[in-house]
Amino acid sequence: MDTLPAGKVEENAPNMELPVPSREVTLDSSPKQDDASEQPAASVFQSDEPEELPVAPSYTESTPVEDILKVMTFEEAQNVVVDSGLSKRKTMATVAKERPVSLKFYLTPGNKSTNNIVRAAAQIMLDGMAAQKAG
């Protein structure tokens, strides 16, 4: 194909429009400030979709298990790291695959650990496994 001079368009050229994203974006048209607290240019564009920020858990090892169960998600439970016993330093997801019987142990009085996060995570994992078997 031959090159056309600048500003000239070939008469039979196909329509070469670029795709436009379907998500609406608004541009902040507020006047710029010349101080050091100016925001980066990337934050000028605002989307209607909320930003997902990591949220710190609202519980500790001493929080009652019942309270942890109200706020802990299955994904969080899978990532809890066991702090004692045969599965020490393994995630609950790994324990569920390799030693599922250990999940039941974490809920028994024989478990001398005082970490209620591990207990709650074990309960959530067991509930999830029971739901998979039922469904």
Protein backbone atom coordinates (compact mmCIF):
# COMPACT_ATOMS: atom_id res chain seq x y z
CA MET A 1 0.00 0.00 0.00
CA ASP A 2 1.34 3.44 -0.90
CA THR A 3 1.68 6.19 1.69
CA LEU A 4 -0.57 9.23 1.34
CA PRO A 5 0.66 12.73 2.10
CA ALA A 6 -0.15 14.03 5.58
CA GLY A 7 -3.77 15.13 5.98
CA LYS A 8 -5.02 13.09 2.98
CA VAL A 9 -7.41 10.19 3.43
CA GLU A 10 -7.89 7.44 0.91
CA GLU A 11 -11.42 7.62 -0.51
CA ASN A 12 -12.14 3.88 -0.26
CA ALA A 13 -10.44 3.40 3.13
CA PRO A 14 -12.31 1.13 5.55
CA ASN A 15 -13.73 2.68 8.71
CA MET A 16 -10.89 2.32 11.25
CA GLU A 17 -12.63 3.45 14.45
CA LEU A 18 -11.20 2.22 17.72
CA PRO A 19 -13.50 0.43 20.17
CA VAL A 20 -14.85 2.59 22.96
CA PRO A 21 -15.16 1.07 26.45
CA SER A 22 -18.75 0.65 27.61
CA ARG A 23 -18.00 1.88 31.15
CA GLU A 24 -18.77 5.55 31.72
CA VAL A 25 -15.92 7.63 33.08
CA THR A 26 -16.23 11.21 34.28
CA LEU A 27 -13.47 13.77 34.05
CA ASP A 28 -12.79 16.02 37.02
CA SER A 29 -12.81 19.53 35.55
CA SER A 30 -11.90 21.37 38.73
CA PRO A 31 -9.11 23.95 38.33
CA LYS A 32 -5.56 22.76 38.94
CA GLN A 33 -3.67 23.97 41.97
CA ASP A 34 0.04 24.72 41.91
CA ASP A 35 0.85 23.50 45.41
CA ALA A 36 2.78 20.41 46.51
CA SER A 37 -0.40 18.57 47.55
CA GLU A 38 -1.59 18.17 43.96
CA GLN A 39 -3.01 14.74 43.21
CA PRO A 40 -1.43 12.55 40.51
CA ALA A 41 -2.98 12.81 37.05
CA ALA A 42 -4.28 9.22 37.20
CA SER A 43 -6.75 10.18 39.93
CA VAL A 44 -8.41 12.75 37.67
CA PHE A 45 -10.50 9.99 36.09
CA GLN A 46 -13.20 8.65 38.35
CA SER A 47 -15.19 5.51 37.79
CA ASP A 48 -18.60 4.58 39.17
CA GLU A 49 -17.15 1.24 40.36
CA PRO A 50 -15.96 1.17 43.99
CA GLU A 51 -12.29 0.48 44.61
CA GLU A 52 -11.58 -2.77 46.42
CA LEU A 53 -9.19 -2.09 49.26
CA PRO A 54 -7.86 -4.80 51.54
CA VAL A 55 -9.73 -4.71 54.82
CA ALA A 56 -8.03 -5.71 58.04
CA PRO A 57 -9.88 -8.42 59.95
CA SER A 58 -12.10 -7.09 62.73
CA TYR A 59 -11.14 -9.88 65.12
CA THR A 60 -8.18 -11.20 67.10
CA GLU A 61 -7.11 -14.60 68.42
CA SER A 62 -9.07 -13.92 71.61
CA THR A 63 -12.30 -12.80 69.90
CA PRO A 64 -15.07 -15.35 70.62
CA VAL A 65 -15.44 -17.95 67.86
CA GLU A 66 -19.12 -17.06 67.39
CA ASP A 67 -18.19 -13.44 66.62
CA ILE A 68 -15.45 -14.44 64.18
CA LEU A 69 -17.87 -16.76 62.36
CA LYS A 70 -20.16 -13.78 61.70
CA VAL A 71 -17.51 -11.84 59.77
CA MET A 72 -14.95 -14.34 58.40
CA THR A 73 -15.38 -15.36 54.76
CA PHE A 74 -14.59 -18.77 53.30
CA GLU A 75 -11.65 -17.26 51.41
CA GLU A 76 -10.25 -15.80 54.63
CA ALA A 77 -10.69 -19.15 56.38
CA GLN A 78 -8.73 -20.92 53.63
CA ASN A 79 -5.79 -18.54 54.17
CA VAL A 80 -5.61 -18.87 57.96
CA VAL A 81 -2.26 -20.39 58.98
CA VAL A 82 -2.29 -23.06 61.67
CA ASP A 83 -0.06 -22.07 64.59
CA SER A 84 0.47 -25.41 66.35
CA GLY A 85 0.41 -29.19 66.00
CA LEU A 86 1.13 -31.46 63.04
CA SER A 87 -0.11 -28.93 60.50
CA LYS A 88 1.78 -25.95 61.94
CA ARG A 89 2.56 -23.25 59.31
CA LYS A 90 0.07 -24.74 56.79
CA THR A 91 -3.01 -22.94 55.55
CA MET A 92 -6.46 -24.28 56.31
CA ALA A 93 -6.92 -25.00 52.61
CA THR A 94 -3.84 -27.27 52.70
CA VAL A 95 -5.01 -28.95 55.93
CA ALA A 96 -8.42 -29.59 54.35
CA LYS A 97 -6.73 -31.39 51.44
CA GLU A 98 -4.00 -33.26 53.31
CA ARG A 99 -5.51 -33.93 56.79
CA PRO A 100 -9.22 -33.04 56.87
CA VAL A 101 -9.62 -34.87 60.19
CA SER A 102 -7.44 -32.15 61.75
CA LEU A 103 -10.19 -29.61 61.04
CA LYS A 104 -12.46 -31.48 63.47
CA PHE A 105 -9.65 -31.63 66.05
CA TYR A 106 -9.31 -27.82 66.09
CA LEU A 107 -12.92 -27.66 67.39
CA THR A 108 -12.52 -30.20 70.21
CA PRO A 109 -11.60 -29.55 73.86
CA GLY A 110 -8.44 -31.60 73.20
CA ASN A 111 -7.10 -28.70 71.15
CA LYS A 112 -5.15 -26.69 73.73
CA SER A 113 -4.58 -23.73 71.37
CA THR A 114 -6.15 -20.45 72.44
CA ASN A 115 -6.26 -19.13 68.87
CA ASN A 116 -9.96 -18.67 68.10
CA ILE A 117 -9.18 -17.60 64.53
CA VAL A 118 -7.96 -21.16 63.81
CA ARG A 119 -11.06 -22.60 65.48
CA ALA A 120 -13.42 -20.39 63.47
CA ALA A 121 -11.56 -21.08 60.23
CA ALA A 122 -11.78 -24.83 60.87
CA GLN A 123 -15.54 -24.53 61.41
CA ILE A 124 -16.00 -22.55 58.19
CA MET A 125 -13.90 -25.08 56.25
CA LEU A 126 -15.91 -28.00 57.64
CA ASP A 127 -19.18 -26.24 56.78
CA GLY A 128 -17.92 -25.60 53.26
CA MET A 129 -16.87 -29.22 52.79
CA ALA A 130 -20.26 -30.45 54.06
CA ALA A 131 -22.03 -28.12 51.61
CA GLN A 132 -19.93 -29.49 48.73
CA LYS A 133 -20.86 -33.07 49.63
CA ALA A 134 -24.54 -32.18 49.93
CA GLY A 135 -24.63 -30.23 46.67
